[in-house]
Amino acid sequence: LTVMVDWKAIKALIGGISYHLVIGCVYLWGAISVYIASYYKLHGSHQGSGFYLMYLPIRGILMMLLLPVGSYLNQKYGPKVPTFIGGVCFAVCVFLSIHVTSPVLFLILYSAGFGISTALGYVPSLFTASSYFPENVGLTNGIILAAYGFATPIPAIVSCKYINPDNVQPIEVQNGEVKDLFYDKTIASNVPSLLRLLLLYWCILFTISVICLEKKSDNVEEGNSRRPSEAKRSNIVERLSISGTELFSQECPDVATGLRSSQFWYLSIMLMASLVLEFTLRFTYKEVGGMQKYDDKFLTFVGSIYGIINGVTRVFWGWVYDHFQFKCLMTVIIIGESLFCIVFCLLGGFKIIFCVSLLASCFFVISNLSIFPSICGVLFGQEQGPKIYSYMMIGITLSSLIVFLANYFVAPLIGYKMFLFLCGLLTLSTIILLYLINLSPKWPLVASDFRNEDNIMELKSSHFK
C-alpha cells in the first residue's frame, strides 16, 4: 500500500477481516444444508434442500431493512456500535436456533443471525478499514472481502470431518427432475454439536472485530488524503455556474439523488443478476454433484477450493480495479462468468470439467463484490458512496428470493442444470446495461461546496486540470 500505515490502520484492517470471516460463512450453507435437512428429517420434516434455501431470502430481507441502519449507526457512533450489536444479535439467534425442533423456526433464527449481523456490520467494517488507505481503496476492499470468501473452507472441511468422517453416501429421494439428499441418523444427529462448535469460533472473531475497529479521526492531513486521485476525480462531476464558468466536484449531494440516478439502477440490476448466478452455483453444487454420483468428500473439497478462490480473487479483482477501466474490466467479467456457467451446465457430467468450470465461474462472478463498493465511491463520492451501496445491496434480497423460488418451484420441473443455464444467459444480457452507464454523472452542488473561497478555487483548479 502506498500510504503510511499506523497501528490504527492495521487494527482496522484486522477488525474488518475478522468481521467478514464470520458473515462470510453465509456460504457455508451450501456445505451444511444437506446435513440440516437430514437432522430435521429426524424430527418429522421431509423437506429437501430446495426448501432450506428459504434461508437466503429471510437473510436478504433483514439485510435490506437494516443496511441503512448499519450505515447510520456507523456515521453517528463509529464502527464499534453497529458491529457490537450485530455480533450480539448473531450469537443470540444462532444459539437459539440450535435448540429448536421446527425447521421453519430454525431457518428464521439462523437466517436472522446472519442477516442482522451482515446488515449492521458489513458496510462499517468495510469502509472503516478502507478509509485509512484512500489511494488503494480497491485493493483494501479486496483484502477485507477476501476474508468474506476465505470464511468458508476451514469450517466446511471441519463440518464434513466432524459429521461424516467415513464419507458415507446420502440417500436419494426423487423430487421431480431433481433428487433430494438425506443422511442417516448417525450422521444427522451430530448437527447441534457442530453448530455449537462453530458458534464459539464465530464469537471469538466478533470480539476481535469490535476491539480492533476504530473510526479514523478527521483532521487536515487525513482530509487531504481522502481526496480521490485525479484520474478518478475526472470521472465524478457536479455542475455549477460561477461567473459563466462551468465547474465540477466529486460528491453526490444526498442519498435520494443517488437512488434516483440511472447509475444506481443499472448497477443494482447487474449486481442482482450476478448474485442469482453466484447463489445458485454456491448453494446447489452439492445437489448437482450428487446427481452425478460424486461423493461427499469430493464435493466438500470442491466447495473448499471454491471458498479459497472466492477469497483470493477478491484481492486480485480489487487490485485490477485500481489499474484498469471499469467498463473494459466488467466486460471481461460478465462474459467469463456466463460462459463458464454454461459450460458447467452442458459438460458437468465429466468430473474434471465439473470442477474446473465451477471454479472458473466463481473466479469471475465473485469480482462484483470487490468492484461495486469501489465504483460506488467513485460515482457517488466518499461520503454518499457507502450509503448508496448499502441500498444497492437490496439486490441481494431480490436475487436470494429468486434463487429460493426457482429452486423450490422451478428446479423440480426443469432441473438444476437448465436453471443454471438460464442464469448464465441472464448474466450475459447485463452487458447491455454496462454500456448504458454514464461514468461522469453531473450532480447538483450543495451549500457545503461553498464554505470558503479556497474551496471554490479548488473546484476551479480541478475543473481546468
Protein backbone atom coordinates (compact mmCIF):
# COMPACT_ATOMS: atom_id res chain seq x y z
CA LEU A 1 0.00 0.00 0.00
CA THR A 2 1.26 3.46 -0.84
CA VAL A 3 0.20 5.35 2.31
CA MET A 4 1.76 5.47 5.76
CA VAL A 5 0.45 2.57 7.81
CA ASP A 6 -0.05 3.17 11.56
CA TRP A 7 -1.35 0.88 14.29
CA LYS A 8 -4.91 2.16 13.98
CA ALA A 9 -4.86 1.31 10.29
CA ILE A 10 -3.55 -2.19 10.98
CA LYS A 11 -6.14 -2.71 13.72
CA ALA A 12 -8.95 -1.50 11.43
CA LEU A 13 -7.81 -3.93 8.75
CA ILE A 14 -7.72 -6.81 11.24
CA GLY A 15 -11.15 -5.80 12.55
CA GLY A 16 -12.65 -5.73 9.07
CA ILE A 17 -11.12 -9.11 8.22
CA SER A 18 -12.37 -10.68 11.48
CA TYR A 19 -15.93 -9.45 10.97
CA HIS A 20 -16.03 -10.69 7.39
CA LEU A 21 -14.67 -14.10 8.41
CA VAL A 22 -17.95 -14.53 10.29
CA ILE A 23 -20.53 -13.05 7.95
CA GLY A 24 -18.77 -14.73 5.01
CA CYS A 25 -19.87 -18.07 6.47
CA VAL A 26 -23.15 -17.43 4.71
CA TYR A 27 -21.53 -19.59 2.00
CA LEU A 28 -21.14 -22.44 4.50
CA TRP A 29 -24.83 -23.12 3.96
CA GLY A 30 -24.03 -24.81 0.65
CA ALA A 31 -21.92 -27.36 2.52
CA ILE A 32 -24.12 -27.97 5.59
CA SER A 33 -27.69 -27.53 4.32
CA VAL A 34 -27.93 -31.22 3.38
CA TYR A 35 -26.93 -32.09 6.96
CA ILE A 36 -29.51 -29.64 8.32
CA ALA A 37 -32.22 -31.19 6.13
CA SER A 38 -31.21 -34.65 7.35
CA TYR A 39 -31.32 -33.54 11.01
CA TYR A 40 -34.85 -32.16 10.74
CA LYS A 41 -35.93 -35.28 8.90
CA LEU A 42 -35.31 -37.00 12.24
CA HIS A 43 -37.93 -34.63 13.69
CA GLY A 44 -40.57 -35.46 11.09
CA SER A 45 -39.75 -33.00 8.27
CA HIS A 46 -39.39 -34.35 4.74
CA GLN A 47 -38.41 -31.09 3.05
CA GLY A 48 -35.41 -31.23 0.73
CA SER A 49 -32.60 -28.76 0.09
CA GLY A 50 -34.80 -26.50 -2.04
CA PHE A 51 -36.94 -25.70 1.00
CA TYR A 52 -33.90 -24.81 3.10
CA LEU A 53 -32.85 -22.19 0.57
CA MET A 54 -35.55 -20.14 2.30
CA TYR A 55 -32.54 -19.16 4.41
CA LEU A 56 -31.43 -16.82 1.62
CA PRO A 57 -34.49 -14.54 1.26
CA ILE A 58 -35.03 -14.34 5.04
CA ARG A 59 -31.44 -13.20 5.46
CA GLY A 60 -31.79 -10.91 2.44
CA ILE A 61 -34.96 -9.20 3.67
CA LEU A 62 -33.37 -8.44 7.03
CA MET A 63 -30.30 -7.08 5.25
CA MET A 64 -32.44 -4.88 3.03
CA LEU A 65 -34.29 -3.44 6.03
CA LEU A 66 -31.29 -2.95 8.31
CA LEU A 67 -28.40 -2.00 5.99
CA PRO A 68 -29.31 1.71 6.20
CA VAL A 69 -29.41 1.32 9.99
CA GLY A 70 -25.86 -0.02 9.96
CA SER A 71 -24.68 2.92 7.86
CA TYR A 72 -26.50 5.39 10.15
CA LEU A 73 -25.03 3.90 13.34
CA ASN A 74 -21.59 3.90 11.78
CA GLN A 75 -21.86 7.56 10.80
CA LYS A 76 -23.24 8.65 14.18
CA TYR A 77 -21.33 6.46 16.64
CA GLY A 78 -18.47 4.89 14.68
CA PRO A 79 -17.99 1.23 13.71
CA LYS A 80 -17.85 -0.27 17.23
CA VAL A 81 -21.56 0.20 17.96
CA PRO A 82 -23.05 -1.46 14.84
CA THR A 83 -20.50 -4.30 14.87
CA PHE A 84 -21.11 -4.97 18.58
CA ILE A 85 -24.89 -5.00 18.16
CA GLY A 86 -24.56 -7.18 15.06
CA GLY A 87 -22.32 -9.66 16.90
CA VAL A 88 -24.63 -9.94 19.92
CA CYS A 89 -27.71 -10.46 17.73
CA PHE A 90 -25.84 -13.10 15.73
CA ALA A 91 -24.78 -15.03 18.84
CA VAL A 92 -28.25 -14.98 20.39
CA CYS A 93 -30.05 -16.02 17.20
CA VAL A 94 -27.68 -18.87 16.31
CA PHE A 95 -27.66 -20.13 19.91
CA LEU A 96 -31.47 -20.26 19.99
CA SER A 97 -31.61 -21.93 16.56
CA ILE A 98 -29.57 -24.87 17.87
CA HIS A 99 -32.28 -25.73 20.42
CA VAL A 100 -35.42 -25.71 18.26
CA THR A 101 -37.00 -28.74 16.59
CA SER A 102 -39.01 -26.86 13.95
CA PRO A 103 -37.19 -26.40 10.62
CA VAL A 104 -39.10 -23.18 9.93
CA LEU A 105 -38.17 -21.69 13.29
CA PHE A 106 -34.59 -22.80 12.81
CA LEU A 107 -34.44 -21.08 9.43
CA ILE A 108 -35.88 -17.86 10.84
CA LEU A 109 -33.42 -17.72 13.75
CA TYR A 110 -30.31 -18.85 11.88
CA SER A 111 -31.07 -16.56 8.94
CA ALA A 112 -31.77 -13.65 11.30
CA GLY A 113 -28.34 -14.09 12.89
CA PHE A 114 -26.55 -13.76 9.57
CA GLY A 115 -28.94 -11.15 8.17
CA ILE A 116 -28.77 -8.76 11.14
CA SER A 117 -25.01 -9.07 11.63
CA THR A 118 -24.30 -8.57 7.93
CA ALA A 119 -26.66 -5.60 7.68
CA LEU A 120 -25.24 -3.79 10.69
CA GLY A 121 -21.55 -4.55 10.24
CA TYR A 122 -20.83 -5.14 6.54
CA VAL A 123 -20.55 -1.51 5.47
CA PRO A 124 -18.93 -0.16 8.70
CA SER A 125 -16.24 -2.87 8.79
CA LEU A 126 -15.50 -2.47 5.09
CA PHE A 127 -15.41 1.31 4.72
CA THR A 128 -13.75 1.97 8.09
CA ALA A 129 -10.69 0.00 7.07
CA SER A 130 -10.57 1.38 3.52
CA SER A 131 -10.73 4.97 4.87
CA TYR A 132 -7.14 4.51 6.11
CA PHE A 133 -5.92 3.70 2.58
CA PRO A 134 -7.59 6.26 0.27
CA GLU A 135 -5.24 5.72 -2.66
CA ASN A 136 -5.76 1.94 -2.63
CA VAL A 137 -9.45 1.63 -1.87
CA GLY A 138 -9.98 -1.18 -4.37
CA LEU A 139 -7.10 -3.25 -3.02
CA THR A 140 -8.07 -2.64 0.62
CA ASN A 141 -11.69 -3.59 -0.04
CA GLY A 142 -10.41 -6.65 -1.88
CA ILE A 143 -8.31 -7.75 1.11
CA ILE A 144 -11.21 -7.42 3.53
CA LEU A 145 -13.67 -9.07 1.18
CA ALA A 146 -11.14 -11.85 0.67
CA ALA A 147 -11.86 -12.76 4.28
CA TYR A 148 -15.53 -12.98 3.28
CA GLY A 149 -14.52 -15.60 0.73
CA PHE A 150 -11.94 -17.37 2.91
CA ALA A 151 -14.52 -17.70 5.69
CA THR A 152 -15.93 -20.96 4.35
CA PRO A 153 -13.18 -23.52 3.51
CA ILE A 154 -11.99 -24.37 7.04
CA PRO A 155 -15.49 -24.54 8.62
CA ALA A 156 -16.69 -26.60 5.63
CA ILE A 157 -13.87 -29.13 5.96
CA VAL A 158 -14.32 -29.29 9.75
CA SER A 159 -18.06 -29.78 9.29
CA CYS A 160 -17.59 -32.66 6.86
CA LYS A 161 -14.94 -34.37 9.03
CA TYR A 162 -17.00 -33.87 12.19
CA ILE A 163 -20.36 -35.02 10.83
CA ASN A 164 -19.38 -37.50 8.12
CA PRO A 165 -15.85 -38.77 8.89
CA ASP A 166 -16.40 -42.04 6.97
CA ASN A 167 -17.61 -40.29 3.79
CA VAL A 168 -20.96 -42.09 3.86
CA GLN A 169 -23.10 -41.54 0.78
CA PRO A 170 -26.52 -39.88 1.29
CA ILE A 171 -29.86 -41.48 0.50
CA GLU A 172 -31.51 -40.15 -2.68
CA VAL A 173 -35.19 -39.22 -2.79
CA GLN A 174 -36.62 -38.33 -6.20
CA ASN A 175 -38.42 -34.96 -6.42
CA GLY A 176 -39.48 -34.29 -9.99
CA GLU A 177 -36.40 -33.58 -12.12
CA VAL A 178 -34.12 -33.28 -9.06
CA LYS A 179 -33.08 -35.59 -6.24
CA ASP A 180 -33.14 -34.61 -2.55
CA LEU A 181 -30.30 -35.99 -0.46
CA PHE A 182 -30.56 -37.15 3.17
CA TYR A 183 -28.08 -38.73 5.59
CA ASP A 184 -28.92 -41.36 8.19
CA LYS A 185 -29.41 -40.79 11.92
CA THR A 186 -25.79 -41.45 12.95
CA ILE A 187 -24.64 -38.51 10.81
CA ALA A 188 -27.60 -36.13 11.16
CA SER A 189 -27.63 -36.29 14.98
CA ASN A 190 -24.24 -34.53 15.09
CA VAL A 191 -25.66 -31.25 13.73
CA PRO A 192 -26.39 -29.46 17.08
CA SER A 193 -22.90 -30.11 18.50
CA LEU A 194 -21.32 -28.92 15.23
CA LEU A 195 -23.28 -25.66 15.38
CA ARG A 196 -22.15 -25.09 18.99
CA LEU A 197 -18.53 -25.51 17.93
CA LEU A 198 -18.97 -23.09 15.03
CA LEU A 199 -20.73 -20.55 17.26
CA LEU A 200 -17.78 -20.48 19.66
CA TYR A 201 -15.41 -19.81 16.76
CA TRP A 202 -17.65 -17.05 15.39
CA CYS A 203 -17.97 -15.31 18.78
CA ILE A 204 -14.17 -15.14 19.13
CA LEU A 205 -13.90 -13.44 15.73
CA PHE A 206 -16.67 -10.96 16.55
CA THR A 207 -14.87 -9.99 19.76
CA ILE A 208 -11.63 -9.32 17.88
CA SER A 209 -13.52 -7.20 15.34
CA VAL A 210 -15.22 -4.97 17.91
CA ILE A 211 -11.92 -4.40 19.75
CA CYS A 212 -9.97 -3.51 16.60
CA LEU A 213 -12.38 -1.37 14.56
CA GLU A 214 -11.98 2.37 15.23
CA LYS A 215 -13.17 5.30 13.19
CA LYS A 216 -10.48 7.37 11.51
CA SER A 217 -10.26 10.80 13.13
CA ASP A 218 -10.89 13.85 10.99
CA ASN A 219 -8.01 16.29 10.63
CA VAL A 220 -6.47 18.38 7.90
CA GLU A 221 -3.88 15.85 6.85
CA GLU A 222 -6.37 12.99 6.70
CA GLY A 223 -8.87 15.19 4.93
CA ASN A 224 -6.35 15.81 2.21
CA SER A 225 -5.52 12.12 1.95
CA ARG A 226 -9.16 11.28 1.33
CA ARG A 227 -9.28 13.16 -1.94
CA PRO A 228 -9.63 10.76 -4.84
CA SER A 229 -6.87 10.53 -7.43
CA GLU A 230 -7.04 12.91 -10.36
CA ALA A 231 -7.80 10.02 -12.71
CA LYS A 232 -10.95 9.11 -10.78
CA ARG A 233 -11.80 12.72 -9.91
CA SER A 234 -12.25 13.41 -13.61
CA ASN A 235 -14.94 10.72 -13.72
CA ILE A 236 -17.01 12.21 -10.86
CA VAL A 237 -18.52 15.58 -11.68
CA GLU A 238 -21.09 18.05 -10.42
CA ARG A 239 -22.30 21.08 -12.33
CA LEU A 240 -22.10 24.69 -11.16
CA SER A 241 -22.05 28.04 -12.95
CA ILE A 242 -19.79 30.69 -11.38
CA SER A 243 -19.12 33.82 -13.39
CA GLY A 244 -20.11 31.99 -16.55
CA THR A 245 -17.68 29.12 -15.94
CA GLU A 246 -18.94 25.53 -15.54
CA LEU A 247 -17.22 23.77 -12.61
CA PHE A 248 -17.31 20.22 -11.27
CA SER A 249 -16.68 18.39 -7.97
CA GLN A 250 -16.95 14.80 -6.80
CA GLU A 251 -19.80 14.31 -4.31
CA CYS A 252 -23.40 13.28 -4.90
CA PRO A 253 -25.37 15.77 -2.75
CA ASP A 254 -27.56 13.23 -0.92
CA VAL A 255 -28.75 9.64 -0.91
CA ALA A 256 -32.11 10.42 -2.51
CA THR A 257 -30.43 11.96 -5.55
CA GLY A 258 -28.18 8.93 -5.91
CA LEU A 259 -31.09 6.50 -5.65
CA ARG A 260 -32.91 8.29 -8.45
CA SER A 261 -29.92 8.09 -10.78
CA SER A 262 -29.66 5.66 -13.68
CA GLN A 263 -26.20 4.68 -12.42
CA PHE A 264 -27.74 3.25 -9.25
CA TRP A 265 -30.40 1.24 -11.06
CA TYR A 266 -28.15 -0.13 -13.79
CA LEU A 267 -25.53 -1.23 -11.27
CA SER A 268 -28.19 -2.73 -8.99
CA ILE A 269 -29.64 -4.86 -11.79
CA MET A 270 -26.16 -6.00 -12.84
CA LEU A 271 -25.32 -6.94 -9.26
CA MET A 272 -28.61 -8.77 -8.80
CA ALA A 273 -28.16 -10.88 -11.95
CA SER A 274 -24.62 -11.80 -10.95
CA LEU A 275 -25.72 -12.75 -7.42
CA VAL A 276 -28.50 -15.01 -8.75
CA LEU A 277 -25.79 -16.89 -10.63
CA GLU A 278 -23.43 -16.95 -7.64
CA PHE A 279 -26.05 -18.08 -5.11
CA THR A 280 -27.30 -20.82 -7.41
CA LEU A 281 -23.79 -22.15 -8.02
CA ARG A 282 -22.74 -21.84 -4.42
CA PHE A 283 -25.80 -23.35 -2.76
CA THR A 284 -26.73 -26.13 -5.18
CA TYR A 285 -23.35 -27.52 -6.27
CA LYS A 286 -23.71 -30.47 -3.86
CA GLU A 287 -27.13 -31.33 -5.26
CA VAL A 288 -25.87 -31.07 -8.85
CA GLY A 289 -22.79 -33.13 -7.98
CA GLY A 290 -24.87 -35.65 -6.05
CA MET A 291 -26.97 -36.26 -9.15
CA GLN A 292 -23.69 -37.10 -10.93
CA LYS A 293 -22.85 -39.60 -8.13
CA TYR A 294 -19.89 -37.55 -6.86
CA ASP A 295 -19.13 -38.41 -3.22
CA ASP A 296 -19.40 -36.02 -0.24
CA LYS A 297 -15.63 -35.77 0.31
CA PHE A 298 -15.01 -34.72 -3.31
CA LEU A 299 -17.84 -32.16 -3.24
CA THR A 300 -16.61 -30.75 0.08
CA PHE A 301 -13.13 -30.46 -1.43
CA VAL A 302 -14.51 -28.62 -4.47
CA GLY A 303 -16.54 -26.33 -2.20
CA SER A 304 -13.43 -25.56 -0.13
CA ILE A 305 -11.41 -24.69 -3.23
CA TYR A 306 -14.37 -22.55 -4.29
CA GLY A 307 -14.04 -20.68 -1.00
CA ILE A 308 -10.28 -20.21 -1.40
CA ILE A 309 -10.74 -18.84 -4.91
CA ASN A 310 -13.56 -16.69 -3.55
CA GLY A 311 -11.09 -15.13 -1.11
CA VAL A 312 -8.01 -14.82 -3.31
CA THR A 313 -9.85 -13.34 -6.27
CA ARG A 314 -11.41 -10.58 -4.15
CA VAL A 315 -7.90 -9.24 -3.54
CA PHE A 316 -6.98 -9.78 -7.18
CA TRP A 317 -10.06 -8.01 -8.53
CA GLY A 318 -9.61 -5.18 -6.04
CA TRP A 319 -6.08 -4.65 -7.38
CA VAL A 320 -7.24 -4.96 -11.01
CA TYR A 321 -9.95 -2.37 -10.41
CA ASP A 322 -7.29 0.15 -9.32
CA HIS A 323 -5.43 -0.29 -12.63
CA PHE A 324 -7.99 -0.84 -15.41
CA GLN A 325 -11.02 0.93 -16.84
CA PHE A 326 -14.30 -0.11 -15.27
CA LYS A 327 -16.25 -0.93 -18.43
CA CYS A 328 -13.48 -2.95 -20.05
CA LEU A 329 -12.95 -4.87 -16.82
CA MET A 330 -16.65 -5.63 -16.34
CA THR A 331 -16.99 -6.78 -19.96
CA VAL A 332 -14.38 -9.47 -19.38
CA ILE A 333 -16.02 -10.47 -16.08
CA ILE A 334 -19.57 -10.75 -17.44
CA ILE A 335 -18.51 -12.83 -20.43
CA GLY A 336 -16.29 -15.07 -18.29
CA GLU A 337 -18.83 -15.83 -15.56
CA SER A 338 -21.60 -16.50 -18.08
CA LEU A 339 -19.67 -18.76 -20.44
CA PHE A 340 -18.14 -20.94 -17.73
CA CYS A 341 -21.56 -21.35 -16.12
CA ILE A 342 -22.96 -22.56 -19.45
CA VAL A 343 -20.03 -25.00 -19.82
CA PHE A 344 -20.74 -26.26 -16.28
CA CYS A 345 -24.34 -26.98 -17.26
CA LEU A 346 -23.56 -28.70 -20.55
CA LEU A 347 -20.48 -30.75 -19.60
CA GLY A 348 -20.72 -31.09 -15.81
CA GLY A 349 -21.08 -34.86 -16.17
CA PHE A 350 -17.30 -35.05 -16.56
CA LYS A 351 -15.63 -34.76 -13.17
CA ILE A 352 -12.73 -32.55 -14.23
CA ILE A 353 -15.00 -30.22 -16.23
CA PHE A 354 -17.46 -30.06 -13.32
CA CYS A 355 -14.63 -28.91 -11.05
CA VAL A 356 -12.83 -26.53 -13.43
CA SER A 357 -15.91 -24.82 -14.86
CA LEU A 358 -17.47 -24.32 -11.40
CA LEU A 359 -14.27 -22.79 -10.03
CA ALA A 360 -13.67 -20.69 -13.15
CA SER A 361 -17.18 -19.27 -12.98
CA CYS A 362 -16.56 -18.46 -9.31
CA PHE A 363 -13.33 -16.66 -10.27
CA PHE A 364 -15.28 -14.20 -12.39
CA VAL A 365 -18.60 -13.95 -10.55
CA ILE A 366 -17.09 -13.05 -7.19
CA SER A 367 -15.38 -9.96 -8.63
CA ASN A 368 -18.58 -7.93 -8.37
CA LEU A 369 -18.47 -7.78 -4.58
CA SER A 370 -14.96 -6.30 -4.72
CA ILE A 371 -15.59 -3.84 -7.53
CA PHE A 372 -19.06 -2.49 -6.79
CA PRO A 373 -18.25 -0.89 -3.40
CA SER A 374 -15.32 0.90 -5.04
CA ILE A 375 -17.22 2.11 -8.09
CA CYS A 376 -19.93 3.46 -5.79
CA GLY A 377 -17.29 5.56 -4.04
CA VAL A 378 -16.15 6.85 -7.43
CA LEU A 379 -19.59 7.61 -8.87
CA PHE A 380 -21.32 8.93 -5.75
CA GLY A 381 -18.41 10.24 -3.67
CA GLN A 382 -16.66 9.19 -0.48
CA GLU A 383 -19.48 10.37 1.80
CA GLN A 384 -22.57 9.20 -0.07
CA GLY A 385 -21.00 6.19 -1.82
CA PRO A 386 -21.13 3.82 1.21
CA LYS A 387 -24.72 4.81 1.97
CA ILE A 388 -25.86 4.29 -1.61
CA TYR A 389 -24.03 0.96 -1.84
CA SER A 390 -25.98 -0.22 1.20
CA TYR A 391 -29.21 0.39 -0.75
CA MET A 392 -27.73 -1.27 -3.82
CA MET A 393 -27.37 -4.43 -1.78
CA ILE A 394 -31.16 -4.72 -1.92
CA GLY A 395 -30.20 -6.74 -4.99
CA ILE A 396 -29.00 -9.42 -2.57
CA THR A 397 -32.54 -9.75 -1.21
CA LEU A 398 -34.14 -9.92 -4.63
CA SER A 399 -31.58 -12.37 -6.00
CA SER A 400 -31.84 -14.65 -2.96
CA LEU A 401 -35.64 -14.62 -3.25
CA ILE A 402 -35.37 -15.56 -6.94
CA VAL A 403 -32.96 -18.40 -6.12
CA PHE A 404 -35.24 -19.79 -3.40
CA LEU A 405 -38.41 -19.63 -5.50
CA ALA A 406 -36.66 -21.08 -8.54
CA ASN A 407 -35.12 -23.97 -6.62
CA TYR A 408 -38.31 -24.77 -4.73
CA PHE A 409 -40.79 -24.44 -7.61
CA VAL A 410 -38.91 -24.32 -10.94
CA ALA A 411 -35.93 -26.66 -10.49
CA PRO A 412 -38.13 -29.73 -9.86
CA LEU A 413 -39.74 -29.04 -13.25
CA ILE A 414 -36.69 -28.25 -15.41
CA GLY A 415 -33.75 -29.46 -13.29
CA TYR A 416 -30.82 -27.62 -11.71
CA LYS A 417 -28.72 -27.61 -14.87
CA MET A 418 -31.35 -25.90 -17.01
CA PHE A 419 -31.93 -23.28 -14.33
CA LEU A 420 -28.18 -22.60 -14.14
CA PHE A 421 -28.07 -22.32 -17.93
CA LEU A 422 -30.80 -19.64 -17.81
CA CYS A 423 -28.88 -17.82 -15.06
CA GLY A 424 -25.81 -17.70 -17.30
CA LEU A 425 -27.84 -16.17 -20.14
CA LEU A 426 -29.40 -13.61 -17.77
CA THR A 427 -25.99 -12.51 -16.55
CA LEU A 428 -24.64 -12.24 -20.09
CA SER A 429 -27.52 -9.94 -21.04
CA THR A 430 -26.46 -7.36 -18.41
CA ILE A 431 -23.55 -6.34 -20.61
CA ILE A 432 -26.09 -4.09 -22.35
CA LEU A 433 -26.68 -2.15 -19.13
CA LEU A 434 -22.94 -1.83 -18.57
CA TYR A 435 -22.53 0.30 -21.69
CA LEU A 436 -25.52 2.46 -20.80
CA ILE A 437 -23.89 3.64 -17.55
CA ASN A 438 -22.63 7.22 -17.57
CA LEU A 439 -19.39 7.26 -15.56
CA SER A 440 -19.39 11.09 -15.41
CA PRO A 441 -22.61 11.97 -13.60
CA LYS A 442 -23.35 15.67 -13.09
CA TRP A 443 -24.69 16.14 -9.58
CA PRO A 444 -26.30 19.40 -8.33
CA LEU A 445 -23.97 21.15 -5.88
CA VAL A 446 -24.93 21.82 -2.28
CA ALA A 447 -24.11 24.64 0.12
CA SER A 448 -21.20 22.75 1.70
CA ASP A 449 -19.28 23.14 -1.55
CA PHE A 450 -19.10 26.92 -0.93
CA ARG A 451 -17.80 27.05 2.63
CA ASN A 452 -14.95 29.31 1.65
CA GLU A 453 -13.17 30.86 -1.27
CA ASP A 454 -10.36 28.27 -1.17
CA ASN A 455 -12.89 25.51 -1.79
CA ILE A 456 -14.30 27.31 -4.83
CA MET A 457 -10.79 27.90 -6.20
CA GLU A 458 -10.04 24.21 -5.68
CA LEU A 459 -13.11 23.28 -7.73
CA LYS A 460 -12.00 25.65 -10.47
CA SER A 461 -8.49 24.25 -10.46
CA SER A 462 -9.80 20.67 -10.57
CA HIS A 463 -12.06 21.52 -13.49
CA PHE A 464 -9.38 23.13 -15.64
CA LYS A 465 -6.93 20.29 -14.97
